[in-house]
Protein backbone atom coordinates (compact mmCIF):
# COMPACT_ATOMS: atom_id res chain seq x y z
CA MET A 1 -21.83 -50.85 34.33
CA PHE A 2 -19.80 -53.62 32.73
CA VAL A 3 -18.08 -51.16 30.36
CA ILE A 4 -17.16 -48.87 33.24
CA GLY A 5 -15.57 -51.82 35.05
CA ILE A 6 -13.50 -52.71 31.99
CA ILE A 7 -12.33 -49.13 31.59
CA TYR A 8 -11.45 -48.96 35.29
CA ARG A 9 -9.41 -52.19 35.05
CA ILE A 10 -7.55 -50.99 31.97
CA LEU A 11 -6.68 -47.73 33.69
CA ASN A 12 -5.49 -49.39 36.89
CA ARG A 13 -3.61 -52.28 35.29
CA PHE A 14 -1.92 -50.62 32.32
CA ILE A 15 -2.15 -46.87 31.95
CA LEU A 16 -1.48 -45.67 35.51
CA PRO A 17 1.46 -48.06 36.12
CA ALA A 18 2.99 -47.06 32.77
CA PHE A 19 2.65 -43.41 33.73
CA ARG A 20 4.28 -44.02 37.12
CA VAL A 21 7.16 -45.95 35.57
CA SER A 22 7.82 -43.28 32.97
CA SER A 23 7.81 -40.52 35.57
CA ASN A 24 10.19 -42.51 37.80
CA VAL A 25 12.54 -43.11 34.88
CA ASN A 26 12.53 -39.42 33.98
CA ASP A 27 13.33 -38.48 37.59
CA ARG A 28 16.23 -40.93 37.72
CA LEU A 29 17.61 -39.67 34.41
CA ARG A 30 17.52 -36.10 35.70
CA GLN A 31 19.38 -37.16 38.83
CA MET A 32 22.03 -38.92 36.78
CA GLN A 33 22.45 -35.90 34.52
CA ASP A 34 22.86 -33.62 37.53
CA GLN A 35 25.48 -35.96 38.99
CA MET A 36 27.35 -36.02 35.69
CA ARG A 37 27.33 -32.22 35.51
CA GLU A 38 28.73 -32.00 39.03
CA MET A 39 31.44 -34.52 38.22
CA GLU A 40 32.38 -32.63 35.05
CA GLN A 41 32.58 -29.35 36.96
CA LYS A 42 34.84 -30.91 39.59
CA ALA A 43 37.04 -32.45 36.91
CA ASN A 44 37.29 -29.13 35.06
CA GLN A 45 38.23 -27.33 38.26
CA ALA A 46 40.92 -29.91 39.00
CA ASN A 47 42.26 -29.63 35.44
CA ASN A 48 42.33 -25.85 35.63
CA GLN A 49 44.29 -25.99 38.88
CA GLN A 50 46.78 -28.43 37.36
CA LYS A 51 47.19 -26.22 34.27
CA LYS A 52 47.94 -23.23 36.48
CA LYS A 53 50.61 -25.23 38.29
CA VAL A 54 52.13 -26.37 34.99
CA ASN A 55 52.30 -22.80 33.72
CA ARG A 56 54.17 -21.72 36.84
CA ASP A 57 56.64 -24.56 36.51
CA SER A 58 57.31 -23.78 32.85
CA ASP A 59 58.26 -20.16 33.69
CA TYR A 60 61.08 -21.33 35.93
CA ILE A 61 64.39 -21.94 34.19
CA ASP A 62 66.80 -24.39 35.78
CA TYR A 63 70.37 -23.36 36.33
CA GLU A 64 71.61 -26.07 33.97
CA GLU A 65 69.51 -24.76 31.08
CA ILE A 66 71.08 -21.27 31.16
CA LYS A 67 74.33 -22.18 29.41
């Protein structure tokens, strides 16, 4: 009975809390990675839109440059 009590204490004090902490950390890391992916996608979309605008501006020739 004494051995079972020691095993129970070890499980409740060390192993289960360590498991909970590691699973919480993994969940938070996944959330952060998802947020970073979303931010990168938004930044890439904004950059693509700016590049399209730059390409349109470069096709236009000012009157002063036609000499």
